[in-house]
Amino acid sequence: MSRRFSFRLYVAGHAPNGAQAIANLGAFCRTHLKDRFEIEVVDVFQEPRRALLDAVFMTPMLVVLSPPPTRRVVGTLSQTQALIMALGIAPPAP
């Protein structure tokens, strides 16, 4: 059975870095995870208390909720190989 991935991406309003992270994560998931992912986007300006409770002090920040362990990745998520390694998934076969 394939692992299912659950992500929470924290962004700061309509900042360019946040928009880039949303686009990059979506493209990454469609390419590498197919139908095995869900993404929740949280705007820290709209939900500051939630960001504080989750100890988010920088954006954009990706929180990998599942599969365990919980991991955090900060940045625009533009480096595919780094994201593959952070998620612990095998790169696609050539």
PDB file of N, CA and C in Angstrom:
ATOM      1  N   MET A   1       0.846  -1.176   0.000  1.00  0.00           N
ATOM      2  CA  MET A   1       0.000   0.000   0.000  1.00  0.00           C
ATOM      3  C   MET A   1       0.899   1.249   0.000  1.00  0.00           C
ATOM      4  N   SER A   2       0.548   2.222  -0.768  1.00  0.00           N
ATOM      5  CA  SER A   2       1.323   3.455  -0.869  1.00  0.00           C
ATOM      6  C   SER A   2       1.055   4.355   0.323  1.00  0.00           C
ATOM      7  N   ARG A   3       2.108   5.017   0.758  1.00  0.00           N
ATOM      8  CA  ARG A   3       1.958   5.962   1.861  1.00  0.00           C
ATOM      9  C   ARG A   3       1.199   7.194   1.383  1.00  0.00           C
ATOM     10  N   ARG A   4       0.362   7.720   2.246  1.00  0.00           N
ATOM     11  CA  ARG A   4      -0.382   8.941   1.962  1.00  0.00           C
ATOM     12  C   ARG A   4       0.296  10.087   2.703  1.00  0.00           C
ATOM     13  N   PHE A   5       0.407  11.235   2.052  1.00  0.00           N
ATOM     14  CA  PHE A   5       1.082  12.388   2.620  1.00  0.00           C
ATOM     15  C   PHE A   5       0.075  13.481   2.948  1.00  0.00           C
ATOM     16  N   SER A   6       0.235  14.049   4.116  1.00  0.00           N
ATOM     17  CA  SER A   6      -0.600  15.160   4.546  1.00  0.00           C
ATOM     18  C   SER A   6       0.326  16.330   4.871  1.00  0.00           C
ATOM     19  N   PHE A   7       0.065  17.480   4.212  1.00  0.00           N
ATOM     20  CA  PHE A   7       0.911  18.656   4.356  1.00  0.00           C
ATOM     21  C   PHE A   7       0.104  19.839   4.866  1.00  0.00           C
ATOM     22  N   ARG A   8       0.765  20.670   5.668  1.00  0.00           N
ATOM     23  CA  ARG A   8       0.214  21.972   6.044  1.00  0.00           C
ATOM     24  C   ARG A   8       1.271  22.995   5.654  1.00  0.00           C
ATOM     25  N   LEU A   9       0.902  23.914   4.786  1.00  0.00           N
ATOM     26  CA  LEU A   9       1.827  24.928   4.301  1.00  0.00           C
ATOM     27  C   LEU A   9       1.423  26.282   4.868  1.00  0.00           C
ATOM     28  N   TYR A  10       2.312  26.858   5.649  1.00  0.00           N
ATOM     29  CA  TYR A  10       2.078  28.180   6.232  1.00  0.00           C
ATOM     30  C   TYR A  10       2.653  29.245   5.313  1.00  0.00           C
ATOM     31  N   VAL A  11       1.841  30.247   4.996  1.00  0.00           N
ATOM     32  CA  VAL A  11       2.260  31.364   4.151  1.00  0.00           C
ATOM     33  C   VAL A  11       1.856  32.667   4.824  1.00  0.00           C
ATOM     34  N   ALA A  12       2.459  33.764   4.372  1.00  0.00           N
ATOM     35  CA  ALA A  12       2.155  35.088   4.910  1.00  0.00           C
ATOM     36  C   ALA A  12       1.401  35.890   3.855  1.00  0.00           C
ATOM     37  N   GLY A  13       0.086  35.812   3.892  1.00  0.00           N
ATOM     38  CA  GLY A  13      -0.739  36.558   2.949  1.00  0.00           C
ATOM     39  C   GLY A  13      -0.447  36.191   1.511  1.00  0.00           C
ATOM     40  N   HIS A  14      -0.330  37.206   0.672  1.00  0.00           N
ATOM     41  CA  HIS A  14      -0.091  36.984  -0.755  1.00  0.00           C
ATOM     42  C   HIS A  14       1.353  37.274  -1.130  1.00  0.00           C
ATOM     43  N   ALA A  15       2.257  37.075  -0.187  1.00  0.00           N
ATOM     44  CA  ALA A  15       3.682  37.323  -0.442  1.00  0.00           C
ATOM     45  C   ALA A  15       4.164  36.414  -1.575  1.00  0.00           C
ATOM     46  N   PRO A  16       5.065  36.921  -2.412  1.00  0.00           N
ATOM     47  CA  PRO A  16       5.564  36.128  -3.550  1.00  0.00           C
ATOM     48  C   PRO A  16       6.173  34.783  -3.151  1.00  0.00           C
ATOM     49  N   ASN A  17       6.903  34.740  -2.047  1.00  0.00           N
ATOM     50  CA  ASN A  17       7.507  33.466  -1.632  1.00  0.00           C
ATOM     51  C   ASN A  17       6.443  32.429  -1.283  1.00  0.00           C
ATOM     52  N   GLY A  18       5.371  32.878  -0.657  1.00  0.00           N
ATOM     53  CA  GLY A  18       4.288  31.963  -0.316  1.00  0.00           C
ATOM     54  C   GLY A  18       3.588  31.435  -1.555  1.00  0.00           C
ATOM     55  N   ALA A  19       3.329  32.324  -2.504  1.00  0.00           N
ATOM     56  CA  ALA A  19       2.693  31.899  -3.757  1.00  0.00           C
ATOM     57  C   ALA A  19       3.583  30.909  -4.499  1.00  0.00           C
ATOM     58  N   GLN A  20       4.881  31.151  -4.477  1.00  0.00           N
ATOM     59  CA  GLN A  20       5.825  30.237  -5.135  1.00  0.00           C
ATOM     60  C   GLN A  20       5.833  28.887  -4.437  1.00  0.00           C
ATOM     61  N   ALA A  21       5.805  28.886  -3.108  1.00  0.00           N
ATOM     62  CA  ALA A  21       5.792  27.629  -2.358  1.00  0.00           C
ATOM     63  C   ALA A  21       4.527  26.825  -2.653  1.00  0.00           C
ATOM     64  N   ILE A  22       3.386  27.503  -2.741  1.00  0.00           N
ATOM     65  CA  ILE A  22       2.127  26.816  -3.063  1.00  0.00           C
ATOM     66  C   ILE A  22       2.223  26.167  -4.442  1.00  0.00           C
ATOM     67  N   ALA A  23       2.700  26.923  -5.422  1.00  0.00           N
ATOM     68  CA  ALA A  23       2.829  26.398  -6.790  1.00  0.00           C
ATOM     69  C   ALA A  23       3.830  25.241  -6.837  1.00  0.00           C
ATOM     70  N   ASN A  24       4.967  25.405  -6.182  1.00  0.00           N
ATOM     71  CA  ASN A  24       5.992  24.356  -6.208  1.00  0.00           C
ATOM     72  C   ASN A  24       5.519  23.085  -5.517  1.00  0.00           C
ATOM     73  N   LEU A  25       4.851  23.222  -4.378  1.00  0.00           N
ATOM     74  CA  LEU A  25       4.357  22.041  -3.669  1.00  0.00           C
ATOM     75  C   LEU A  25       3.298  21.322  -4.497  1.00  0.00           C
ATOM     76  N   GLY A  26       2.392  22.078  -5.102  1.00  0.00           N
ATOM     77  CA  GLY A  26       1.364  21.459  -5.937  1.00  0.00           C
ATOM     78  C   GLY A  26       1.971  20.696  -7.103  1.00  0.00           C
ATOM     79  N   ALA A  27       2.930  21.311  -7.785  1.00  0.00           N
ATOM     80  CA  ALA A  27       3.584  20.649  -8.916  1.00  0.00           C
ATOM     81  C   ALA A  27       4.348  19.418  -8.455  1.00  0.00           C
ATOM     82  N   PHE A  28       5.051  19.534  -7.335  1.00  0.00           N
ATOM     83  CA  PHE A  28       5.808  18.404  -6.797  1.00  0.00           C
ATOM     84  C   PHE A  28       4.870  17.239  -6.492  1.00  0.00           C
ATOM     85  N   CYS A  29       3.773  17.525  -5.800  1.00  0.00           N
ATOM     86  CA  CYS A  29       2.838  16.464  -5.412  1.00  0.00           C
ATOM     87  C   CYS A  29       2.195  15.802  -6.627  1.00  0.00           C
ATOM     88  N   ARG A  30       1.798  16.599  -7.609  1.00  0.00           N
ATOM     89  CA  ARG A  30       1.187  16.015  -8.807  1.00  0.00           C
ATOM     90  C   ARG A  30       2.182  15.123  -9.550  1.00  0.00           C
ATOM     91  N   THR A  31       3.458  15.477  -9.519  1.00  0.00           N
ATOM     92  CA  THR A  31       4.483  14.709 -10.229  1.00  0.00           C
ATOM     93  C   THR A  31       4.937  13.486  -9.451  1.00  0.00           C
ATOM     94  N   HIS A  32       5.186  13.642  -8.149  1.00  0.00           N
ATOM     95  CA  HIS A  32       5.831  12.592  -7.374  1.00  0.00           C
ATOM     96  C   HIS A  32       4.903  11.804  -6.461  1.00  0.00           C
ATOM     97  N   LEU A  33       3.749  12.344  -6.125  1.00  0.00           N
ATOM     98  CA  LEU A  33       2.868  11.667  -5.174  1.00  0.00           C
ATOM     99  C   LEU A  33       1.500  11.309  -5.750  1.00  0.00           C
ATOM    100  N   LYS A  34       1.254  11.721  -6.987  1.00  0.00           N
ATOM    101  CA  LYS A  34      -0.012  11.452  -7.695  1.00  0.00           C
ATOM    102  C   LYS A  34      -1.215  11.718  -6.792  1.00  0.00           C
ATOM    103  N   ASP A  35      -2.009  10.701  -6.503  1.00  0.00           N
ATOM    104  CA  ASP A  35      -3.240  10.872  -5.725  1.00  0.00           C
ATOM    105  C   ASP A  35      -3.052  10.508  -4.253  1.00  0.00           C
ATOM    106  N   ARG A  36      -1.814  10.661  -3.766  1.00  0.00           N
ATOM    107  CA  ARG A  36      -1.527  10.243  -2.392  1.00  0.00           C
ATOM    108  C   ARG A  36      -1.209  11.424  -1.482  1.00  0.00           C
ATOM    109  N   PHE A  37      -1.863  12.557  -1.679  1.00  0.00           N
ATOM    110  CA  PHE A  37      -1.512  13.719  -0.874  1.00  0.00           C
ATOM    111  C   PHE A  37      -2.722  14.607  -0.611  1.00  0.00           C
ATOM    112  N   GLU A  38      -2.608  15.376   0.465  1.00  0.00           N
ATOM    113  CA  GLU A  38      -3.559  16.447   0.744  1.00  0.00           C
ATOM    114  C   GLU A  38      -2.742  17.623   1.265  1.00  0.00           C
ATOM    115  N   ILE A  39      -3.160  18.812   0.858  1.00  0.00           N
ATOM    116  CA  ILE A  39      -2.449  20.036   1.214  1.00  0.00           C
ATOM    117  C   ILE A  39      -3.436  21.003   1.866  1.00  0.00           C
ATOM    118  N   GLU A  40      -3.057  21.489   3.025  1.00  0.00           N
ATOM    119  CA  GLU A  40      -3.817  22.546   3.701  1.00  0.00           C
ATOM    120  C   GLU A  40      -2.921  23.783   3.717  1.00  0.00           C
ATOM    121  N   VAL A  41      -3.422  24.907   3.253  1.00  0.00           N
ATOM    122  CA  VAL A  41      -2.661  26.151   3.268  1.00  0.00           C
ATOM    123  C   VAL A  41      -3.220  27.038   4.384  1.00  0.00           C
ATOM    124  N   VAL A  42      -2.324  27.525   5.233  1.00  0.00           N
ATOM    125  CA  VAL A  42      -2.707  28.376   6.351  1.00  0.00           C
ATOM    126  C   VAL A  42      -2.014  29.726   6.186  1.00  0.00           C
ATOM    127  N   ASP A  43      -2.802  30.790   6.150  1.00  0.00           N
ATOM    128  CA  ASP A  43      -2.274  32.146   6.080  1.00  0.00           C
ATOM    129  C   ASP A  43      -2.054  32.631   7.513  1.00  0.00           C
ATOM    130  N   VAL A  44      -0.800  32.905   7.865  1.00  0.00           N
ATOM    131  CA  VAL A  44      -0.498  33.307   9.240  1.00  0.00           C
ATOM    132  C   VAL A  44      -1.098  34.666   9.593  1.00  0.00           C
ATOM    133  N   PHE A  45      -1.401  35.494   8.599  1.00  0.00           N
ATOM    134  CA  PHE A  45      -2.066  36.766   8.881  1.00  0.00           C
ATOM    135  C   PHE A  45      -3.523  36.543   9.268  1.00  0.00           C
ATOM    136  N   GLN A  46      -4.155  35.527   8.688  1.00  0.00           N
ATOM    137  CA  GLN A  46      -5.547  35.213   8.990  1.00  0.00           C
ATOM    138  C   GLN A  46      -5.685  34.369  10.257  1.00  0.00           C
ATOM    139  N   GLU A  47      -4.669  33.537  10.538  1.00  0.00           N
ATOM    140  CA  GLU A  47      -4.717  32.638  11.691  1.00  0.00           C
ATOM    141  C   GLU A  47      -3.422  32.705  12.496  1.00  0.00           C
ATOM    142  N   PRO A  48      -3.109  33.885  13.059  1.00  0.00           N
ATOM    143  CA  PRO A  48      -1.833  34.026  13.776  1.00  0.00           C
ATOM    144  C   PRO A  48      -1.719  33.130  15.008  1.00  0.00           C
ATOM    145  N   ARG A  49      -2.807  32.928  15.693  1.00  0.00           N
ATOM    146  CA  ARG A  49      -2.775  32.084  16.896  1.00  0.00           C
ATOM    147  C   ARG A  49      -2.400  30.645  16.538  1.00  0.00           C
ATOM    148  N   ARG A  50      -2.958  30.167  15.448  1.00  0.00           N
ATOM    149  CA  ARG A  50      -2.645  28.802  15.005  1.00  0.00           C
ATOM    150  C   ARG A  50      -1.164  28.672  14.665  1.00  0.00           C
ATOM    151  N   ALA A  51      -0.627  29.680  13.979  1.00  0.00           N
ATOM    152  CA  ALA A  51       0.796  29.665  13.648  1.00  0.00           C
ATOM    153  C   ALA A  51       1.639  29.648  14.920  1.00  0.00           C
ATOM    154  N   LEU A  52       1.269  30.440  15.902  1.00  0.00           N
ATOM    155  CA  LEU A  52       2.018  30.457  17.162  1.00  0.00           C
ATOM    156  C   LEU A  52       1.921  29.120  17.890  1.00  0.00           C
ATOM    157  N   LEU A  53       0.725  28.548  17.920  1.00  0.00           N
ATOM    158  CA  LEU A  53       0.549  27.249  18.577  1.00  0.00           C
ATOM    159  C   LEU A  53       1.367  26.153  17.894  1.00  0.00           C
ATOM    160  N   ASP A  54       1.538  26.280  16.580  1.00  0.00           N
ATOM    161  CA  ASP A  54       2.326  25.295  15.827  1.00  0.00           C
ATOM    162  C   ASP A  54       3.794  25.691  15.734  1.00  0.00           C
ATOM    163  N   ALA A  55       4.179  26.759  16.469  1.00  0.00           N
ATOM    164  CA  ALA A  55       5.577  27.231  16.509  1.00  0.00           C
ATOM    165  C   ALA A  55       6.117  27.567  15.131  1.00  0.00           C
ATOM    166  N   VAL A  56       5.309  28.268  14.343  1.00  0.00           N
ATOM    167  CA  VAL A  56       5.728  28.713  13.018  1.00  0.00           C
ATOM    168  C   VAL A  56       6.162  30.175  13.152  1.00  0.00           C
ATOM    169  N   PHE A  57       7.441  30.410  12.938  1.00  0.00           N
ATOM    170  CA  PHE A  57       7.994  31.751  13.071  1.00  0.00           C
ATOM    171  C   PHE A  57       8.591  32.268  11.774  1.00  0.00           C
ATOM    172  N   MET A  58       8.600  31.423  10.744  1.00  0.00           N
ATOM    173  CA  MET A  58       9.093  31.804   9.420  1.00  0.00           C
ATOM    174  C   MET A  58       8.121  31.263   8.385  1.00  0.00           C
ATOM    175  N   THR A  59       7.982  31.988   7.290  1.00  0.00           N
ATOM    176  CA  THR A  59       7.161  31.501   6.188  1.00  0.00           C
ATOM    177  C   THR A  59       7.909  31.718   4.894  1.00  0.00           C
ATOM    178  N   PRO A  60       7.610  30.956   3.878  1.00  0.00           N
ATOM    179  CA  PRO A  60       6.716  29.803   3.916  1.00  0.00           C
ATOM    180  C   PRO A  60       7.352  28.639   4.670  1.00  0.00           C
ATOM    181  N   MET A  61       6.519  27.898   5.366  1.00  0.00           N
ATOM    182  CA  MET A  61       6.966  26.707   6.086  1.00  0.00           C
ATOM    183  C   MET A  61       6.015  25.560   5.791  1.00  0.00           C
ATOM    184  N   LEU A  62       6.597  24.470   5.332  1.00  0.00           N
ATOM    185  CA  LEU A  62       5.835  23.250   5.081  1.00  0.00           C
ATOM    186  C   LEU A  62       5.972  22.345   6.289  1.00  0.00           C
ATOM    187  N   VAL A  63       4.841  21.900   6.819  1.00  0.00           N
ATOM    188  CA  VAL A  63       4.839  20.930   7.901  1.00  0.00           C
ATOM    189  C   VAL A  63       4.292  19.627   7.316  1.00  0.00           C
ATOM    190  N   VAL A  64       5.102  18.593   7.396  1.00  0.00           N
ATOM    191  CA  VAL A  64       4.689  17.271   6.917  1.00  0.00           C
ATOM    192  C   VAL A  64       4.044  16.571   8.102  1.00  0.00           C
ATOM    193  N   LEU A  65       2.725  16.422   8.041  1.00  0.00           N
ATOM    194  CA  LEU A  65       1.969  15.843   9.151  1.00  0.00           C
ATOM    195  C   LEU A  65       1.983  14.324   9.121  1.00  0.00           C
ATOM    196  N   SER A  66       1.937  13.757   7.933  1.00  0.00           N
ATOM    197  CA  SER A  66       2.010  12.304   7.800  1.00  0.00           C
ATOM    198  C   SER A  66       2.602  11.983   6.441  1.00  0.00           C
ATOM    199  N   PRO A  67       3.301  10.877   6.349  1.00  0.00           N
ATOM    200  CA  PRO A  67       3.538   9.894   7.399  1.00  0.00           C
ATOM    201  C   PRO A  67       4.526  10.422   8.439  1.00  0.00           C
ATOM    202  N   PRO A  68       4.481   9.827   9.642  1.00  0.00           N
ATOM    203  CA  PRO A  68       5.412  10.244  10.687  1.00  0.00           C
ATOM    204  C   PRO A  68       6.854   9.943  10.276  1.00  0.00           C
ATOM    205  N   PRO A  69       7.806  10.601  10.856  1.00  0.00           N
ATOM    206  CA  PRO A  69       7.687  11.650  11.859  1.00  0.00           C
ATOM    207  C   PRO A  69       7.325  12.982  11.221  1.00  0.00           C
ATOM    208  N   THR A  70       6.803  13.899  12.038  1.00  0.00           N
ATOM    209  CA  THR A  70       6.499  15.243  11.572  1.00  0.00           C
ATOM    210  C   THR A  70       7.809  15.924  11.193  1.00  0.00           C
ATOM    211  N   ARG A  71       7.807  16.574  10.039  1.00  0.00           N
ATOM    212  CA  ARG A  71       9.001  17.294   9.576  1.00  0.00           C
ATOM    213  C   ARG A  71       8.600  18.690   9.147  1.00  0.00           C
ATOM    214  N   ARG A  72       9.586  19.588   9.108  1.00  0.00           N
ATOM    215  CA  ARG A  72       9.356  20.967   8.683  1.00  0.00           C
ATOM    216  C   ARG A  72      10.390  21.339   7.639  1.00  0.00           C
ATOM    217  N   VAL A  73       9.911  22.038   6.618  1.00  0.00           N
ATOM    218  CA  VAL A  73      10.790  22.522   5.556  1.00  0.00           C
ATOM    219  C   VAL A  73      10.461  23.989   5.334  1.00  0.00           C
ATOM    220  N   VAL A  74      11.472  24.838   5.407  1.00  0.00           N
ATOM    221  CA  VAL A  74      11.271  26.275   5.227  1.00  0.00           C
ATOM    222  C   VAL A  74      11.761  26.672   3.840  1.00  0.00           C
ATOM    223  N   GLY A  75      10.992  27.520   3.163  1.00  0.00           N
ATOM    224  CA  GLY A  75      11.418  28.042   1.872  1.00  0.00           C
ATOM    225  C   GLY A  75      10.361  27.859   0.807  1.00  0.00           C
ATOM    226  N   THR A  76      10.740  28.167  -0.426  1.00  0.00           N
ATOM    227  CA  THR A  76       9.792  28.121  -1.541  1.00  0.00           C
ATOM    228  C   THR A  76       9.610  26.727  -2.133  1.00  0.00           C
ATOM    229  N   LEU A  77      10.328  25.759  -1.619  1.00  0.00           N
ATOM    230  CA  LEU A  77      10.209  24.355  -2.050  1.00  0.00           C
ATOM    231  C   LEU A  77      10.596  24.183  -3.514  1.00  0.00           C
ATOM    232  N   SER A  78      11.547  24.966  -3.956  1.00  0.00           N
ATOM    233  CA  SER A  78      11.953  24.934  -5.357  1.00  0.00           C
ATOM    234  C   SER A  78      13.021  23.879  -5.646  1.00  0.00           C
ATOM    235  N   GLN A  79      13.632  23.320  -4.622  1.00  0.00           N
ATOM    236  CA  GLN A  79      14.682  22.317  -4.826  1.00  0.00           C
ATOM    237  C   GLN A  79      14.081  20.923  -4.675  1.00  0.00           C
ATOM    238  N   THR A  80      13.752  20.337  -5.805  1.00  0.00           N
ATOM    239  CA  THR A  80      13.045  19.053  -5.820  1.00  0.00           C
ATOM    240  C   THR A  80      13.806  17.964  -5.086  1.00  0.00           C
ATOM    241  N   GLN A  81      15.103  17.842  -5.344  1.00  0.00           N
ATOM    242  CA  GLN A  81      15.892  16.779  -4.702  1.00  0.00           C
ATOM    243  C   GLN A  81      15.908  16.941  -3.191  1.00  0.00           C
ATOM    244  N   ALA A  82      16.019  18.164  -2.703  1.00  0.00           N
ATOM    245  CA  ALA A  82      16.011  18.403  -1.260  1.00  0.00           C
ATOM    246  C   ALA A  82      14.657  18.021  -0.667  1.00  0.00           C
ATOM    247  N   LEU A  83      13.588  18.296  -1.379  1.00  0.00           N
ATOM    248  CA  LEU A  83      12.257  17.946  -0.898  1.00  0.00           C
ATOM    249  C   LEU A  83      12.059  16.429  -0.897  1.00  0.00           C
ATOM    250  N   ILE A  84      12.535  15.768  -1.923  1.00  0.00           N
ATOM    251  CA  ILE A  84      12.468  14.304  -1.968  1.00  0.00           C
ATOM    252  C   ILE A  84      13.185  13.710  -0.763  1.00  0.00           C
ATOM    253  N   MET A  85      14.356  14.216  -0.453  1.00  0.00           N
ATOM    254  CA  MET A  85      15.124  13.702   0.687  1.00  0.00           C
ATOM    255  C   MET A  85      14.417  14.025   2.000  1.00  0.00           C
ATOM    256  N   ALA A  86      13.893  15.244   2.134  1.00  0.00           N
ATOM    257  CA  ALA A  86      13.209  15.632   3.367  1.00  0.00           C
ATOM    258  C   ALA A  86      11.977  14.770   3.621  1.00  0.00           C
ATOM    259  N   LEU A  87      11.309  14.360   2.547  1.00  0.00           N
ATOM    260  CA  LEU A  87      10.108  13.539   2.681  1.00  0.00           C
ATOM    261  C   LEU A  87      10.412  12.061   2.786  1.00  0.00           C
ATOM    262  N   GLY A  88      11.647  11.691   2.483  1.00  0.00           N
ATOM    263  CA  GLY A  88      12.032  10.278   2.567  1.00  0.00           C
ATOM    264  C   GLY A  88      11.389   9.422   1.508  1.00  0.00           C
ATOM    265  N   ILE A  89      11.192   9.994   0.318  1.00  0.00           N
ATOM    266  CA  ILE A  89      10.605   9.204  -0.780  1.00  0.00           C
ATOM    267  C   ILE A  89      11.690   8.897  -1.802  1.00  0.00           C
ATOM    268  N   ALA A  90      11.488   7.816  -2.494  1.00  0.00           N
ATOM    269  CA  ALA A  90      12.441   7.430  -3.533  1.00  0.00           C
ATOM    270  C   ALA A  90      12.230   8.299  -4.756  1.00  0.00           C
ATOM    271  N   PRO A  91      13.328   8.720  -5.404  1.00  0.00           N
ATOM    272  CA  PRO A  91      13.162   9.492  -6.633  1.00  0.00           C
ATOM    273  C   PRO A  91      12.518   8.641  -7.719  1.00  0.00           C
ATOM    274  N   PRO A  92      11.835   9.260  -8.681  1.00  0.00           N
ATOM    275  CA  PRO A  92      11.186   8.494  -9.746  1.00  0.00           C
ATOM    276  C   PRO A  92      12.224   7.755 -10.578  1.00  0.00           C
ATOM    277  N   ALA A  93      11.840   6.590 -11.045  1.00  0.00           N
ATOM    278  CA  ALA A  93      12.743   5.791 -11.881  1.00  0.00           C
ATOM    279  C   ALA A  93      12.961   6.479 -13.220  1.00  0.00           C
ATOM    280  N   PRO A  94      14.201   6.435 -13.736  1.00  0.00           N
ATOM    281  CA  PRO A  94      14.479   7.091 -15.036  1.00  0.00           C
ATOM    282  C   PRO A  94      13.792   6.407 -16.190  1.00  0.00           C
TER     283      PRO A  94
END
